[in-house]
């Protein structure tokens, strides 16, 4: 089982910083330090101790929010390291 500290360490290595924590300490919100030019913008991350998971949210286009949930640290690390190829608009 992954610990929340492992998720936090992976998030920080991926360029996320803490924004806020719930009053009960069950949820931690993070955001990307600097915009990732190659990836969609406004990335936010929620580390949830009740479900022992991490969900990353980002805006793919104005008004269109996408998300992905991770239950293991290696998958989160791989996602943070992956930089999608940029496509040229015609």
Protein backbone atom coordinates (compact mmCIF):
# COMPACT_ATOMS: atom_id res chain seq x y z
CA UNK A 1 0.00 0.00 0.00
CA UNK A 2 1.28 3.43 -0.95
CA UNK A 3 1.53 6.03 1.79
CA UNK A 4 0.30 9.57 1.43
CA UNK A 5 3.83 10.81 2.05
CA UNK A 6 4.99 8.80 -0.98
CA UNK A 7 2.28 10.47 -3.09
CA UNK A 8 3.32 13.90 -1.78
CA UNK A 9 6.98 13.28 -2.55
CA UNK A 10 6.13 12.13 -6.11
CA UNK A 11 3.93 15.21 -6.58
CA UNK A 12 6.69 17.57 -5.44
CA UNK A 13 9.20 15.85 -7.72
CA UNK A 14 6.68 16.38 -10.54
CA UNK A 15 6.61 20.13 -9.91
CA UNK A 16 3.53 20.46 -7.70
CA UNK A 17 3.30 22.63 -4.57
CA UNK A 18 0.79 22.51 -1.70
CA UNK A 19 -2.14 24.91 -1.95
CA UNK A 20 -4.43 23.84 0.90
CA UNK A 21 -5.42 21.02 3.24
CA UNK A 22 -8.87 20.05 4.49
CA UNK A 23 -9.71 20.78 8.12
CA UNK A 24 -9.79 17.07 8.92
CA UNK A 25 -6.53 16.48 7.08
CA UNK A 26 -8.06 13.93 4.71
CA UNK A 27 -7.49 15.90 1.49
CA UNK A 28 -4.45 17.81 0.28
CA UNK A 29 -4.66 20.10 -2.77
CA UNK A 30 -1.61 20.95 -4.87
CA UNK A 31 -1.00 22.91 -8.06
CA UNK A 32 1.73 22.96 -10.67
CA UNK A 33 4.50 25.46 -9.83
CA UNK A 34 4.94 26.61 -13.40
CA UNK A 35 2.78 26.00 -16.45
CA UNK A 36 3.90 23.06 -18.55
CA UNK A 37 4.21 24.37 -22.10
CA UNK A 38 3.84 20.94 -23.68
CA UNK A 39 0.89 19.76 -21.57
CA UNK A 40 -2.56 21.13 -20.91
CA UNK A 41 -2.74 23.99 -18.41
CA UNK A 42 -3.99 24.76 -14.91
CA UNK A 43 -2.98 21.44 -13.38
CA UNK A 44 -4.31 20.71 -9.89
CA UNK A 45 -3.86 17.58 -7.79
CA UNK A 46 -5.95 16.15 -4.97
CA UNK A 47 -4.38 13.61 -2.60
CA UNK A 48 -7.21 11.80 -0.77
CA UNK A 49 -6.34 9.80 2.35
CA UNK A 50 -9.80 8.19 2.54
CA UNK A 51 -9.46 6.49 -0.85
CA UNK A 52 -5.64 6.36 -0.78
CA UNK A 53 -5.54 7.86 -4.26
CA UNK A 54 -4.46 10.91 -6.23
CA UNK A 55 -6.51 12.67 -8.88
CA UNK A 56 -4.95 15.17 -11.26
CA UNK A 57 -7.18 17.75 -12.96
CA UNK A 58 -6.25 19.96 -15.90
CA UNK A 59 -7.92 22.20 -18.45
CA UNK A 60 -7.61 20.79 -21.94
CA UNK A 61 -9.45 23.70 -23.55
CA UNK A 62 -11.33 26.67 -22.15
CA UNK A 63 -14.22 25.20 -20.14
CA UNK A 64 -13.14 21.57 -20.63
CA UNK A 65 -11.67 19.89 -17.54
CA UNK A 66 -10.02 16.47 -17.72
CA UNK A 67 -8.84 14.24 -14.89
CA UNK A 68 -6.93 11.08 -14.16
CA UNK A 69 -6.85 9.08 -10.91
CA UNK A 70 -3.83 7.15 -9.65
CA UNK A 71 -3.81 4.48 -6.94
CA UNK A 72 -0.06 3.83 -7.05
CA UNK A 73 2.99 6.06 -6.83
CA UNK A 74 4.81 4.53 -9.85
CA UNK A 75 1.87 5.36 -12.15
CA UNK A 76 1.76 8.94 -10.84
CA UNK A 77 5.51 9.33 -11.33
CA UNK A 78 5.26 8.00 -14.88
CA UNK A 79 2.44 10.44 -15.67
CA UNK A 80 4.41 13.38 -14.25
CA UNK A 81 7.47 12.45 -16.32
CA UNK A 82 5.55 11.94 -19.57
CA UNK A 83 5.62 14.95 -21.87
CA UNK A 84 3.24 14.52 -24.79
CA UNK A 85 4.38 15.43 -28.25
CA UNK A 86 3.22 18.78 -29.45
CA UNK A 87 1.22 18.82 -32.69
CA UNK A 88 1.36 21.50 -35.29
CA UNK A 89 -1.91 23.28 -36.09
CA UNK A 90 -2.66 23.80 -39.76
